[in-house]
């Protein structure tokens, strides 16, 4: 990099973890039971019961209670990145990847018609 080059623009780091996911999605009823958080967890600490009416993820480790995760406190954000109901991350990802937000009729993603 030369002195005339612009430095890279700093972006806000994603720090959301199980605690926020539990409070904002699972406890509020937004959870659809898709199990994306369970599948994406690299530490295998999120459980899921395959029974009618129990399609809600839960934390398996008891040291911090059901609503917190020690791995998240160390920086793991996999569950919140995987959850399609956690906050509005899709428009930001679309802007980053495609330079525009996905249209409603593009249910499978951006088509490249920019």
Protein backbone atom coordinates (compact mmCIF):
# COMPACT_ATOMS: atom_id res chain seq x y z
CA UNK A 1 0.00 0.00 0.00
CA UNK A 2 1.32 3.41 -0.91
CA UNK A 3 0.61 6.63 0.92
CA UNK A 4 -1.92 7.63 -1.74
CA UNK A 5 -4.00 4.45 -1.43
CA UNK A 6 -7.09 4.58 0.69
CA UNK A 7 -6.94 2.28 3.71
CA UNK A 8 -9.49 -0.54 3.79
CA UNK A 9 -12.81 0.45 5.29
CA UNK A 10 -13.34 -1.17 8.67
CA UNK A 11 -16.57 -3.12 8.96
CA UNK A 12 -18.43 -3.86 12.15
CA UNK A 13 -17.55 -7.31 13.45
CA UNK A 14 -20.39 -9.80 13.96
CA UNK A 15 -20.40 -10.61 17.67
CA UNK A 16 -23.92 -11.92 18.21
CA UNK A 17 -24.09 -15.26 19.98
CA UNK A 18 -26.42 -17.82 21.57
CA UNK A 19 -27.50 -15.44 24.34
CA UNK A 20 -29.02 -13.02 21.82
CA UNK A 21 -30.41 -15.84 19.67
CA UNK A 22 -32.11 -17.38 22.68
CA UNK A 23 -33.62 -14.08 23.83
CA UNK A 24 -34.62 -12.69 20.43
CA UNK A 25 -35.70 -15.77 18.47
CA UNK A 26 -36.35 -18.79 20.67
CA UNK A 27 -38.05 -17.07 23.63
CA UNK A 28 -40.13 -14.75 21.45
CA UNK A 29 -41.63 -17.49 19.28
CA UNK A 30 -39.81 -16.45 16.09
CA UNK A 31 -38.03 -19.82 15.95
CA UNK A 32 -39.38 -22.00 13.15
CA UNK A 33 -37.57 -25.15 14.27
CA UNK A 34 -35.35 -25.29 11.18
CA UNK A 35 -32.39 -26.52 13.29
CA UNK A 36 -29.86 -24.36 11.40
CA UNK A 37 -28.30 -23.31 14.72
CA UNK A 38 -28.01 -26.94 15.82
CA UNK A 39 -26.38 -28.06 12.59
CA UNK A 40 -23.97 -25.12 12.43
CA UNK A 41 -22.75 -25.36 16.03
CA UNK A 42 -19.08 -26.43 15.86
CA UNK A 43 -19.08 -27.32 19.57
CA UNK A 44 -22.14 -29.63 19.53
CA UNK A 45 -23.76 -27.85 22.47
CA UNK A 46 -27.16 -27.06 20.97
CA UNK A 47 -29.77 -29.81 21.16
CA UNK A 48 -33.03 -30.38 19.35
CA UNK A 49 -35.88 -32.81 20.07
CA UNK A 50 -37.54 -34.45 17.07
CA UNK A 51 -40.99 -34.65 18.62
CA UNK A 52 -44.23 -32.88 17.78
CA UNK A 53 -44.36 -29.54 19.57
CA UNK A 54 -40.72 -29.69 20.70
CA UNK A 55 -39.01 -28.32 17.60
CA UNK A 56 -37.09 -25.75 19.61
CA UNK A 57 -33.31 -25.71 20.02
CA UNK A 58 -31.87 -25.70 23.52
CA UNK A 59 -28.40 -25.39 25.01
CA UNK A 60 -26.91 -28.61 26.37
CA UNK A 61 -24.22 -27.20 28.65
CA UNK A 62 -25.53 -26.26 32.08
CA UNK A 63 -22.64 -24.19 33.45
CA UNK A 64 -24.09 -20.83 32.29
CA UNK A 65 -27.74 -21.84 32.10
CA UNK A 66 -29.95 -22.45 29.08
CA UNK A 67 -29.72 -18.87 27.86
CA UNK A 68 -25.95 -18.50 27.57
CA UNK A 69 -23.01 -20.31 25.98
CA UNK A 70 -19.40 -20.31 27.12
CA UNK A 71 -18.23 -20.82 23.55
CA UNK A 72 -20.14 -17.71 22.50
CA UNK A 73 -18.49 -15.73 25.26
CA UNK A 74 -15.18 -16.81 23.72
CA UNK A 75 -16.23 -15.47 20.32
CA UNK A 76 -18.25 -18.21 18.59
CA UNK A 77 -21.09 -16.75 16.49
CA UNK A 78 -22.03 -19.75 14.32
CA UNK A 79 -25.58 -20.16 15.62
CA UNK A 80 -26.62 -16.56 15.00
CA UNK A 81 -25.00 -16.51 11.56
CA UNK A 82 -26.97 -19.62 10.58
CA UNK A 83 -30.37 -18.58 11.93
CA UNK A 84 -32.64 -17.19 9.20
CA UNK A 85 -34.82 -15.46 11.82
CA UNK A 86 -32.05 -13.68 13.76
CA UNK A 87 -32.19 -9.98 12.98
CA UNK A 88 -32.07 -8.68 9.41
CA UNK A 89 -28.70 -9.91 8.14
CA UNK A 90 -29.90 -10.96 4.67
CA UNK A 91 -30.16 -7.46 3.15
CA UNK A 92 -26.66 -6.65 4.39
CA UNK A 93 -25.28 -9.87 2.89
CA UNK A 94 -27.08 -9.19 -0.42
CA UNK A 95 -25.60 -5.69 -0.58
CA UNK A 96 -22.14 -7.04 0.16
CA UNK A 97 -22.35 -9.87 -2.38
CA UNK A 98 -24.51 -8.41 -5.15
CA UNK A 99 -24.60 -4.65 -4.64
CA UNK A 100 -28.37 -4.66 -4.12
CA UNK A 101 -31.05 -6.31 -1.99
CA UNK A 102 -32.83 -9.41 -3.25
CA UNK A 103 -36.26 -8.83 -4.72
CA UNK A 104 -39.27 -10.67 -3.26
CA UNK A 105 -39.72 -12.71 -6.44
CA UNK A 106 -36.11 -13.94 -6.20
CA UNK A 107 -36.83 -16.57 -3.56
CA UNK A 108 -33.70 -18.53 -4.53
CA UNK A 109 -31.37 -15.53 -4.42
CA UNK A 110 -30.22 -12.77 -6.72
CA UNK A 111 -30.44 -13.62 -10.40
CA UNK A 112 -27.65 -11.37 -11.59
CA UNK A 113 -29.96 -8.78 -13.19
CA UNK A 114 -28.27 -5.78 -11.69
